[in-house]
Amino acid sequence: MNSPPRPWPDPANSGPESEPRPDSKIFLPEQNIIRLPAKKNRMQIQTAAQFTSRVPFGGAVTVTKEAEASLPTEYGDFRIAGYRAMDTGEEFVCVYIAARDDQPAPVRIHSQCLTGDVFHSVKCDCGPQLEKAMGTIAAEGCGAVVYQHQEGRGIGIINKIRAYALQDEGADTIDANLMLGLEVDLRHYEQCVEILRDLGFTRVKALTNNPDKLKAMREGGIEVAERVPIEFEPSEHTEKYLSVKKFQMGHFLSLVSQGV
C-alpha cells in the first residue's frame, strides 16, 4: 500500500519551493454514476484557472477603494474599506487596524464562506479561522483581513450547495467540483495582495495554511516575516475535508495526520 504523500515544504519557512508538486489522481466512490478520467491532474486544473487573464504583479493598478468607515466589533475597533476590481467589478472588503512600522502585522486573505462564516457550519473550519484572525489582529493592535467574495473556492453559493449534495453521497470536495464540471479552485489572490499593499501592509505575519496565498503575497511585493498556522483539531465533520486540503491541495495542516 502506498503511503500518503508528504506535505509540501512551507515556503514561508524554507524559502522558494524547490520541487514540483506531483500529479494527484482522482478517486470516485463506486456509487457515483458520473465518471472522470483517472489521470486528470487536479493541480493543473487549479493552476490554469487561477492565473488566467490576470494583471501581473508590478503592473497597472487594478483595484480602487470605493468607501471606508469605522467598524466597532466584539473584538475591538477596526476600519472597514470597500474595494472594487477595475477589470471585473468584483467587490472586496478589508477590515483592518492600521499597520505599524515597528512590527510585522498579522494579515489574512479570507475567502468568503457563507455557510461557515454566517451560518456556523461545522463542515469546514472557515468560520473559526475568521474569528481567530479577527481576535489576533485586535490583540496585536494592527493587521488586516481581506475578505474575498469567491464563495466555494470561486464556484458560487448555488454550486457549492450542489457540491454539498454530492459530498453527502461520498464525494470529497475536489471530486464534487469536477463531477459538476467545475474547476477545483477558481480563486486568485493578486488583487487581495494589491489591497494589502494599498493599506500599507508590506511586512506581515501571514495567518494562513494555504501555500498559494503565501506565494501570492511574496510575489506581490509583501515580505512574509512569518507564517502563523491557523488550524483546529479535526472533527468527525471536518476530517475528510481537511485531509483533502493537506494531501491533495498541499495545505500546511500539522493536526491532520493521515489521508481519509
C-alpha atoms as a PDB file:
ATOM      1  CA  MET A   1       0.000   0.000   0.000  1.00  0.00           C
ATOM      2  CA  ASN A   2       1.337   3.410  -0.916  1.00  0.00           C
ATOM      3  CA  SER A   3       1.852   5.796   1.973  1.00  0.00           C
ATOM      4  CA  PRO A   4       0.111   9.215   1.838  1.00  0.00           C
ATOM      5  CA  PRO A   5       2.108  11.889   0.032  1.00  0.00           C
ATOM      6  CA  ARG A   6       4.035  14.105   2.393  1.00  0.00           C
ATOM      7  CA  PRO A   7       3.008  17.766   2.738  1.00  0.00           C
ATOM      8  CA  TRP A   8       4.740  20.332   0.570  1.00  0.00           C
ATOM      9  CA  PRO A   9       7.542  22.363   2.174  1.00  0.00           C
ATOM     10  CA  ASP A  10       6.376  25.590   3.782  1.00  0.00           C
ATOM     11  CA  PRO A  11       7.659  28.409   1.536  1.00  0.00           C
ATOM     12  CA  ALA A  12       7.458  30.926   4.384  1.00  0.00           C
ATOM     13  CA  ASN A  13       9.966  28.936   6.409  1.00  0.00           C
ATOM     14  CA  SER A  14      12.027  27.052   3.853  1.00  0.00           C
ATOM     15  CA  GLY A  15      12.477  29.558   1.036  1.00  0.00           C
ATOM     16  CA  PRO A  16      11.267  29.163  -2.562  1.00  0.00           C
ATOM     17  CA  GLU A  17       9.797  25.817  -3.494  1.00  0.00           C
ATOM     18  CA  SER A  18      12.460  23.540  -4.867  1.00  0.00           C
ATOM     19  CA  GLU A  19      10.363  20.644  -6.112  1.00  0.00           C
ATOM     20  CA  PRO A  20       7.224  20.474  -8.246  1.00  0.00           C
ATOM     21  CA  ARG A  21       4.002  19.132  -6.817  1.00  0.00           C
ATOM     22  CA  PRO A  22       3.229  15.608  -8.037  1.00  0.00           C
ATOM     23  CA  ASP A  23       0.118  14.831 -10.037  1.00  0.00           C
ATOM     24  CA  SER A  24      -2.885  13.848  -7.949  1.00  0.00           C
ATOM     25  CA  LYS A  25      -5.208  11.088  -9.032  1.00  0.00           C
ATOM     26  CA  ILE A  26      -8.988  11.276  -8.716  1.00  0.00           C
ATOM     27  CA  PHE A  27     -10.788   8.568  -6.769  1.00  0.00           C
ATOM     28  CA  LEU A  28     -14.591   8.481  -7.022  1.00  0.00           C
ATOM     29  CA  PRO A  29     -16.815   6.363  -4.783  1.00  0.00           C
ATOM     30  CA  GLU A  30     -18.362   3.416  -6.652  1.00  0.00           C
ATOM     31  CA  GLN A  31     -21.923   4.638  -6.099  1.00  0.00           C
ATOM     32  CA  ASN A  32     -21.299   7.851  -8.058  1.00  0.00           C
ATOM     33  CA  ILE A  33     -22.615   7.491 -11.585  1.00  0.00           C
ATOM     34  CA  ILE A  34     -20.510  10.275 -13.081  1.00  0.00           C
ATOM     35  CA  ARG A  35     -17.067   9.040 -14.119  1.00  0.00           C
ATOM     36  CA  LEU A  36     -13.969  11.133 -14.639  1.00  0.00           C
ATOM     37  CA  PRO A  37     -10.660  10.325 -16.381  1.00  0.00           C
ATOM     38  CA  ALA A  38      -8.385   8.571 -13.899  1.00  0.00           C
ATOM     39  CA  LYS A  39      -5.338  10.631 -14.839  1.00  0.00           C
ATOM     40  CA  LYS A  40      -6.908  14.060 -14.549  1.00  0.00           C
ATOM     41  CA  ASN A  41      -4.406  16.386 -12.934  1.00  0.00           C
ATOM     42  CA  ARG A  42      -6.108  18.414 -10.230  1.00  0.00           C
ATOM     43  CA  MET A  43      -3.207  20.763  -9.709  1.00  0.00           C
ATOM     44  CA  GLN A  44      -3.086  21.605 -13.424  1.00  0.00           C
ATOM     45  CA  ILE A  45      -6.783  22.437 -13.345  1.00  0.00           C
ATOM     46  CA  GLN A  46      -6.289  24.714 -10.369  1.00  0.00           C
ATOM     47  CA  THR A  47      -3.276  26.489 -11.801  1.00  0.00           C
ATOM     48  CA  ALA A  48      -4.778  27.056 -15.240  1.00  0.00           C
ATOM     49  CA  ALA A  49      -7.878  28.664 -13.768  1.00  0.00           C
ATOM     50  CA  GLN A  50      -6.069  30.626 -11.128  1.00  0.00           C
ATOM     51  CA  PHE A  51      -3.780  32.691 -13.321  1.00  0.00           C
ATOM     52  CA  THR A  52      -5.792  33.224 -16.496  1.00  0.00           C
ATOM     53  CA  SER A  53      -6.146  36.817 -17.701  1.00  0.00           C
ATOM     54  CA  ARG A  54      -4.871  38.401 -14.509  1.00  0.00           C
ATOM     55  CA  VAL A  55      -2.803  41.580 -14.349  1.00  0.00           C
ATOM     56  CA  PRO A  56       0.817  40.633 -13.479  1.00  0.00           C
ATOM     57  CA  PHE A  57       2.273  41.756 -10.172  1.00  0.00           C
ATOM     58  CA  GLY A  58       4.055  45.052 -10.609  1.00  0.00           C
ATOM     59  CA  GLY A  59       1.716  46.037 -13.434  1.00  0.00           C
ATOM     60  CA  ALA A  60      -1.041  48.638 -13.541  1.00  0.00           C
ATOM     61  CA  VAL A  61      -3.315  49.314 -10.572  1.00  0.00           C
ATOM     62  CA  THR A  62      -6.344  47.012 -10.847  1.00  0.00           C
ATOM     63  CA  VAL A  63      -8.386  47.848  -7.725  1.00  0.00           C
ATOM     64  CA  THR A  64      -9.838  51.073  -6.434  1.00  0.00           C
ATOM     65  CA  LYS A  65     -11.022  51.972  -2.936  1.00  0.00           C
ATOM     66  CA  GLU A  66     -14.701  52.915  -3.126  1.00  0.00           C
ATOM     67  CA  ALA A  67     -15.596  53.527   0.532  1.00  0.00           C
ATOM     68  CA  GLU A  68     -14.188  53.477   4.068  1.00  0.00           C
ATOM     69  CA  ALA A  69     -15.630  53.803   7.579  1.00  0.00           C
ATOM     70  CA  SER A  70     -15.061  52.854  11.203  1.00  0.00           C
ATOM     71  CA  LEU A  71     -16.223  49.411  12.314  1.00  0.00           C
ATOM     72  CA  PRO A  72     -16.506  48.692  16.044  1.00  0.00           C
ATOM     73  CA  THR A  73     -16.687  44.922  16.598  1.00  0.00           C
ATOM     74  CA  GLU A  74     -16.850  42.479  19.502  1.00  0.00           C
ATOM     75  CA  TYR A  75     -13.073  42.092  19.066  1.00  0.00           C
ATOM     76  CA  GLY A  76     -12.243  45.791  19.044  1.00  0.00           C
ATOM     77  CA  ASP A  77     -12.343  48.887  16.846  1.00  0.00           C
ATOM     78  CA  PHE A  78     -11.478  48.322  13.185  1.00  0.00           C
ATOM     79  CA  ARG A  79     -11.652  50.260   9.950  1.00  0.00           C
ATOM     80  CA  ILE A  80     -13.594  48.762   7.037  1.00  0.00           C
ATOM     81  CA  ALA A  81     -12.731  49.551   3.416  1.00  0.00           C
ATOM     82  CA  GLY A  82     -14.551  48.521   0.268  1.00  0.00           C
ATOM     83  CA  TYR A  83     -12.611  47.937  -2.942  1.00  0.00           C
ATOM     84  CA  ARG A  84     -13.701  47.162  -6.477  1.00  0.00           C
ATOM     85  CA  ALA A  85     -11.723  45.395  -9.181  1.00  0.00           C
ATOM     86  CA  MET A  86     -11.372  47.667 -12.191  1.00  0.00           C
ATOM     87  CA  ASP A  87     -11.227  44.751 -14.637  1.00  0.00           C
ATOM     88  CA  THR A  88     -14.098  42.536 -13.399  1.00  0.00           C
ATOM     89  CA  GLY A  89     -16.145  44.652 -10.981  1.00  0.00           C
ATOM     90  CA  GLU A  90     -15.543  42.103  -8.207  1.00  0.00           C
ATOM     91  CA  GLU A  91     -16.009  43.608  -4.743  1.00  0.00           C
ATOM     92  CA  PHE A  92     -13.619  43.128  -1.827  1.00  0.00           C
ATOM     93  CA  VAL A  93     -13.900  44.130   1.817  1.00  0.00           C
ATOM     94  CA  CYS A  94     -10.955  44.698   4.125  1.00  0.00           C
ATOM     95  CA  VAL A  95     -11.286  45.103   7.891  1.00  0.00           C
ATOM     96  CA  TYR A  96      -8.090  46.380   9.422  1.00  0.00           C
ATOM     97  CA  ILE A  97      -6.210  48.205  12.142  1.00  0.00           C
ATOM     98  CA  ALA A  98      -3.504  50.393  10.615  1.00  0.00           C
ATOM     99  CA  ALA A  99      -0.036  48.921  10.087  1.00  0.00           C
ATOM    100  CA  ARG A 100       2.805  49.893  12.426  1.00  0.00           C
ATOM    101  CA  ASP A 101       6.428  50.458  11.479  1.00  0.00           C
ATOM    102  CA  ASP A 102       7.852  48.562  14.450  1.00  0.00           C
ATOM    103  CA  GLN A 103       6.407  45.113  13.784  1.00  0.00           C
ATOM    104  CA  PRO A 104       5.105  42.812  11.049  1.00  0.00           C
ATOM    105  CA  ALA A 105       1.310  42.892  11.019  1.00  0.00           C
ATOM    106  CA  PRO A 106      -0.875  39.777  11.124  1.00  0.00           C
ATOM    107  CA  VAL A 107      -2.900  39.568   7.914  1.00  0.00           C
ATOM    108  CA  ARG A 108      -5.289  37.057   6.408  1.00  0.00           C
ATOM    109  CA  ILE A 109      -6.764  36.660   2.950  1.00  0.00           C
ATOM    110  CA  HIS A 110     -10.105  35.036   3.735  1.00  0.00           C
ATOM    111  CA  SER A 111     -12.291  33.517   1.039  1.00  0.00           C
ATOM    112  CA  GLN A 112     -15.994  34.072   1.577  1.00  0.00           C
ATOM    113  CA  CYS A 113     -17.775  31.116   3.177  1.00  0.00           C
ATOM    114  CA  LEU A 114     -21.426  31.941   3.793  1.00  0.00           C
ATOM    115  CA  THR A 115     -22.121  28.550   5.313  1.00  0.00           C
ATOM    116  CA  GLY A 116     -19.201  28.711   7.741  1.00  0.00           C
ATOM    117  CA  ASP A 117     -18.813  32.429   8.433  1.00  0.00           C
ATOM    118  CA  VAL A 118     -22.518  33.257   8.809  1.00  0.00           C
ATOM    119  CA  PHE A 119     -24.431  30.018   9.430  1.00  0.00           C
ATOM    120  CA  HIS A 120     -21.649  28.387  11.502  1.00  0.00           C
ATOM    121  CA  SER A 121     -21.478  25.170   9.510  1.00  0.00           C
ATOM    122  CA  VAL A 122     -19.170  22.580  11.057  1.00  0.00           C
ATOM    123  CA  LYS A 123     -18.372  21.033   7.662  1.00  0.00           C
ATOM    124  CA  CYS A 124     -15.349  23.354   7.346  1.00  0.00           C
ATOM    125  CA  ASP A 125     -13.010  25.447   9.501  1.00  0.00           C
ATOM    126  CA  CYS A 126     -13.661  28.782   7.756  1.00  0.00           C
ATOM    127  CA  GLY A 127     -15.722  30.443  10.483  1.00  0.00           C
ATOM    128  CA  PRO A 128     -13.264  29.655  13.302  1.00  0.00           C
ATOM    129  CA  GLN A 129     -10.363  30.810  11.098  1.00  0.00           C
ATOM    130  CA  LEU A 130     -12.022  34.183  10.508  1.00  0.00           C
ATOM    131  CA  GLU A 131     -12.805  34.608  14.194  1.00  0.00           C
ATOM    132  CA  LYS A 132      -9.264  33.704  15.219  1.00  0.00           C
ATOM    133  CA  ALA A 133      -7.826  36.147  12.673  1.00  0.00           C
ATOM    134  CA  MET A 134     -10.004  38.992  13.962  1.00  0.00           C
ATOM    135  CA  GLY A 135      -9.047  38.230  17.551  1.00  0.00           C
ATOM    136  CA  THR A 136      -5.342  38.054  16.718  1.00  0.00           C
ATOM    137  CA  ILE A 137      -5.395  41.396  14.908  1.00  0.00           C
ATOM    138  CA  ALA A 138      -7.252  43.080  17.770  1.00  0.00           C
ATOM    139  CA  ALA A 139      -4.822  41.640  20.336  1.00  0.00           C
ATOM    140  CA  GLU A 140      -1.759  42.843  18.403  1.00  0.00           C
ATOM    141  CA  GLY A 141      -3.202  46.260  17.632  1.00  0.00           C
ATOM    142  CA  CYS A 142      -2.607  46.084  13.875  1.00  0.00           C
ATOM    143  CA  GLY A 143      -3.369  43.850  10.916  1.00  0.00           C
ATOM    144  CA  ALA A 144      -5.940  43.136   8.242  1.00  0.00           C
ATOM    145  CA  VAL A 145      -8.406  40.611   6.873  1.00  0.00           C
ATOM    146  CA  VAL A 146      -9.097  40.917   3.155  1.00  0.00           C
ATOM    147  CA  TYR A 147     -12.476  39.275   2.602  1.00  0.00           C
ATOM    148  CA  GLN A 148     -12.570  37.837  -0.886  1.00  0.00           C
ATOM    149  CA  HIS A 149     -16.033  37.340  -2.393  1.00  0.00           C
ATOM    150  CA  GLN A 150     -15.310  33.999  -4.061  1.00  0.00           C
ATOM    151  CA  GLU A 151     -17.676  31.560  -2.378  1.00  0.00           C
ATOM    152  CA  GLY A 152     -16.843  27.869  -2.510  1.00  0.00           C
ATOM    153  CA  ARG A 153     -13.340  28.383  -3.969  1.00  0.00           C
ATOM    154  CA  GLY A 154     -14.947  30.535  -6.651  1.00  0.00           C
ATOM    155  CA  ILE A 155     -17.925  28.403  -7.766  1.00  0.00           C
ATOM    156  CA  GLY A 156     -20.653  30.433  -6.021  1.00  0.00           C
ATOM    157  CA  ILE A 157     -23.160  29.522  -3.322  1.00  0.00           C
ATOM    158  CA  ILE A 158     -25.640  27.614  -5.525  1.00  0.00           C
ATOM    159  CA  ASN A 159     -22.945  25.382  -6.975  1.00  0.00           C
ATOM    160  CA  LYS A 160     -21.491  24.990  -3.503  1.00  0.00           C
ATOM    161  CA  ILE A 161     -24.813  23.594  -2.286  1.00  0.00           C
ATOM    162  CA  ARG A 162     -24.866  21.245  -5.277  1.00  0.00           C
ATOM    163  CA  ALA A 163     -21.350  20.145  -4.318  1.00  0.00           C
ATOM    164  CA  TYR A 164     -22.551  19.572  -0.749  1.00  0.00           C
ATOM    165  CA  ALA A 165     -25.217  17.207  -2.091  1.00  0.00           C
ATOM    166  CA  LEU A 166     -22.541  15.165  -3.885  1.00  0.00           C
ATOM    167  CA  GLN A 167     -20.452  15.160  -0.716  1.00  0.00           C
ATOM    168  CA  ASP A 168     -23.477  13.734   1.106  1.00  0.00           C
ATOM    169  CA  GLU A 169     -23.178  10.775  -1.300  1.00  0.00           C
ATOM    170  CA  GLY A 170     -19.491  10.240  -0.547  1.00  0.00           C
ATOM    171  CA  ALA A 171     -17.566  12.552  -2.893  1.00  0.00           C
ATOM    172  CA  ASP A 172     -14.812  14.719  -1.460  1.00  0.00           C
ATOM    173  CA  THR A 173     -14.648  18.452  -2.101  1.00  0.00           C
ATOM    174  CA  ILE A 174     -12.467  18.088  -5.199  1.00  0.00           C
ATOM    175  CA  ASP A 175     -14.446  15.219  -6.724  1.00  0.00           C
ATOM    176  CA  ALA A 176     -17.695  17.123  -6.208  1.00  0.00           C
ATOM    177  CA  ASN A 177     -16.475  20.169  -8.148  1.00  0.00           C
ATOM    178  CA  LEU A 178     -15.182  18.045 -11.006  1.00  0.00           C
ATOM    179  CA  MET A 179     -18.386  15.986 -11.160  1.00  0.00           C
ATOM    180  CA  LEU A 180     -20.276  19.258 -11.629  1.00  0.00           C
ATOM    181  CA  GLY A 181     -17.952  20.230 -14.484  1.00  0.00           C
ATOM    182  CA  LEU A 182     -16.317  22.946 -12.393  1.00  0.00           C
ATOM    183  CA  GLU A 183     -12.696  23.790 -11.664  1.00  0.00           C
ATOM    184  CA  VAL A 184     -11.018  22.638  -8.468  1.00  0.00           C
ATOM    185  CA  ASP A 185     -10.142  26.171  -7.344  1.00  0.00           C
ATOM    186  CA  LEU A 186     -11.026  29.332  -9.239  1.00  0.00           C
ATOM    187  CA  ARG A 187      -9.633  31.766  -6.696  1.00  0.00           C
ATOM    188  CA  HIS A 188      -6.873  34.252  -7.432  1.00  0.00           C
ATOM    189  CA  TYR A 189      -5.132  36.405  -4.850  1.00  0.00           C
ATOM    190  CA  GLU A 190      -3.264  39.121  -6.762  1.00  0.00           C
ATOM    191  CA  GLN A 191      -5.861  41.810  -6.078  1.00  0.00           C
ATOM    192  CA  CYS A 192      -6.103  40.851  -2.405  1.00  0.00           C
ATOM    193  CA  VAL A 193      -2.363  41.452  -2.175  1.00  0.00           C
ATOM    194  CA  GLU A 194      -2.772  44.755  -4.005  1.00  0.00           C
ATOM    195  CA  ILE A 195      -5.290  45.835  -1.358  1.00  0.00           C
ATOM    196  CA  LEU A 196      -2.897  44.927   1.454  1.00  0.00           C
ATOM    197  CA  ARG A 197      -0.147  46.987  -0.180  1.00  0.00           C
ATOM    198  CA  ASP A 198      -2.512  49.913  -0.689  1.00  0.00           C
ATOM    199  CA  LEU A 199      -3.262  49.943   3.048  1.00  0.00           C
ATOM    200  CA  GLY A 200       0.418  49.876   3.969  1.00  0.00           C
ATOM    201  CA  PHE A 201       0.816  46.200   4.887  1.00  0.00           C
ATOM    202  CA  THR A 202       4.173  45.363   3.325  1.00  0.00           C
ATOM    203  CA  ARG A 203       5.764  43.318   6.138  1.00  0.00           C
ATOM    204  CA  VAL A 204       3.420  40.733   7.569  1.00  0.00           C
ATOM    205  CA  LYS A 205       2.741  37.620   9.564  1.00  0.00           C
ATOM    206  CA  ALA A 206       0.541  35.552   7.259  1.00  0.00           C
ATOM    207  CA  LEU A 207      -2.377  33.888   9.039  1.00  0.00           C
ATOM    208  CA  THR A 208      -2.812  31.029   6.604  1.00  0.00           C
ATOM    209  CA  ASN A 209      -2.314  27.353   5.897  1.00  0.00           C
ATOM    210  CA  ASN A 210      -2.513  27.873   2.129  1.00  0.00           C
ATOM    211  CA  PRO A 211       0.798  27.879   0.192  1.00  0.00           C
ATOM    212  CA  ASP A 212      -0.793  29.691  -2.759  1.00  0.00           C
ATOM    213  CA  LYS A 213      -1.674  32.671  -0.571  1.00  0.00           C
ATOM    214  CA  LEU A 214       1.887  32.806   0.740  1.00  0.00           C
ATOM    215  CA  LYS A 215       3.227  32.692  -2.793  1.00  0.00           C
ATOM    216  CA  ALA A 216       0.880  35.477  -3.905  1.00  0.00           C
ATOM    217  CA  MET A 217       1.979  37.723  -1.047  1.00  0.00           C
ATOM    218  CA  ARG A 218       5.655  37.156  -1.695  1.00  0.00           C
ATOM    219  CA  GLU A 219       5.375  37.605  -5.475  1.00  0.00           C
ATOM    220  CA  GLY A 220       3.221  40.684  -4.895  1.00  0.00           C
ATOM    221  CA  GLY A 221       5.968  42.524  -3.061  1.00  0.00           C
ATOM    222  CA  ILE A 222       4.977  41.754   0.533  1.00  0.00           C
ATOM    223  CA  GLU A 223       7.613  40.490   2.941  1.00  0.00           C
ATOM    224  CA  VAL A 224       6.298  37.441   4.788  1.00  0.00           C
ATOM    225  CA  ALA A 225       8.234  37.573   8.050  1.00  0.00           C
ATOM    226  CA  GLU A 226       6.388  34.576   9.459  1.00  0.00           C
ATOM    227  CA  ARG A 227       3.606  32.147   8.650  1.00  0.00           C
ATOM    228  CA  VAL A 228       1.228  31.718  11.573  1.00  0.00           C
ATOM    229  CA  PRO A 229      -0.749  28.448  11.412  1.00  0.00           C
ATOM    230  CA  ILE A 230      -4.481  28.937  11.778  1.00  0.00           C
ATOM    231  CA  GLU A 231      -5.829  25.433  12.244  1.00  0.00           C
ATOM    232  CA  PHE A 232      -8.015  23.430  14.589  1.00  0.00           C
ATOM    233  CA  GLU A 233      -8.246  19.820  15.689  1.00  0.00           C
ATOM    234  CA  PRO A 234     -10.133  17.814  13.025  1.00  0.00           C
ATOM    235  CA  SER A 235     -13.644  16.698  13.962  1.00  0.00           C
ATOM    236  CA  GLU A 236     -15.826  13.962  12.518  1.00  0.00           C
ATOM    237  CA  HIS A 237     -17.289  16.605  10.182  1.00  0.00           C
ATOM    238  CA  THR A 238     -14.008  18.203   9.027  1.00  0.00           C
ATOM    239  CA  GLU A 239     -11.675  15.203   8.950  1.00  0.00           C
ATOM    240  CA  LYS A 240     -12.217  14.347   5.268  1.00  0.00           C
ATOM    241  CA  TYR A 241     -12.321  17.995   4.204  1.00  0.00           C
ATOM    242  CA  LEU A 242      -9.025  18.781   5.931  1.00  0.00           C
ATOM    243  CA  SER A 243      -7.392  15.598   4.677  1.00  0.00           C
ATOM    244  CA  VAL A 244      -8.125  16.616   1.081  1.00  0.00           C
ATOM    245  CA  LYS A 245      -6.693  20.060   1.771  1.00  0.00           C
ATOM    246  CA  LYS A 246      -3.467  18.624   3.181  1.00  0.00           C
ATOM    247  CA  PHE A 247      -2.755  15.615   0.994  1.00  0.00           C
ATOM    248  CA  GLN A 248      -4.252  16.750  -2.328  1.00  0.00           C
ATOM    249  CA  MET A 249      -4.020  20.537  -2.225  1.00  0.00           C
ATOM    250  CA  GLY A 250      -0.783  20.908  -0.267  1.00  0.00           C
ATOM    251  CA  HIS A 251      -2.059  22.933   2.685  1.00  0.00           C
ATOM    252  CA  PHE A 252       0.047  23.059   5.849  1.00  0.00           C
ATOM    253  CA  LEU A 253      -2.041  21.202   8.423  1.00  0.00           C
ATOM    254  CA  SER A 254       0.038  19.646  11.180  1.00  0.00           C
ATOM    255  CA  LEU A 255      -3.010  18.374  13.080  1.00  0.00           C
ATOM    256  CA  VAL A 256      -4.105  16.202  10.151  1.00  0.00           C
ATOM    257  CA  SER A 257      -2.121  13.001  10.437  1.00  0.00           C
ATOM    258  CA  GLN A 258      -3.342  10.797   7.602  1.00  0.00           C
ATOM    259  CA  GLY A 259      -5.438  10.679   4.462  1.00  0.00           C
ATOM    260  CA  VAL A 260      -9.061   9.577   4.656  1.00  0.00           C
END
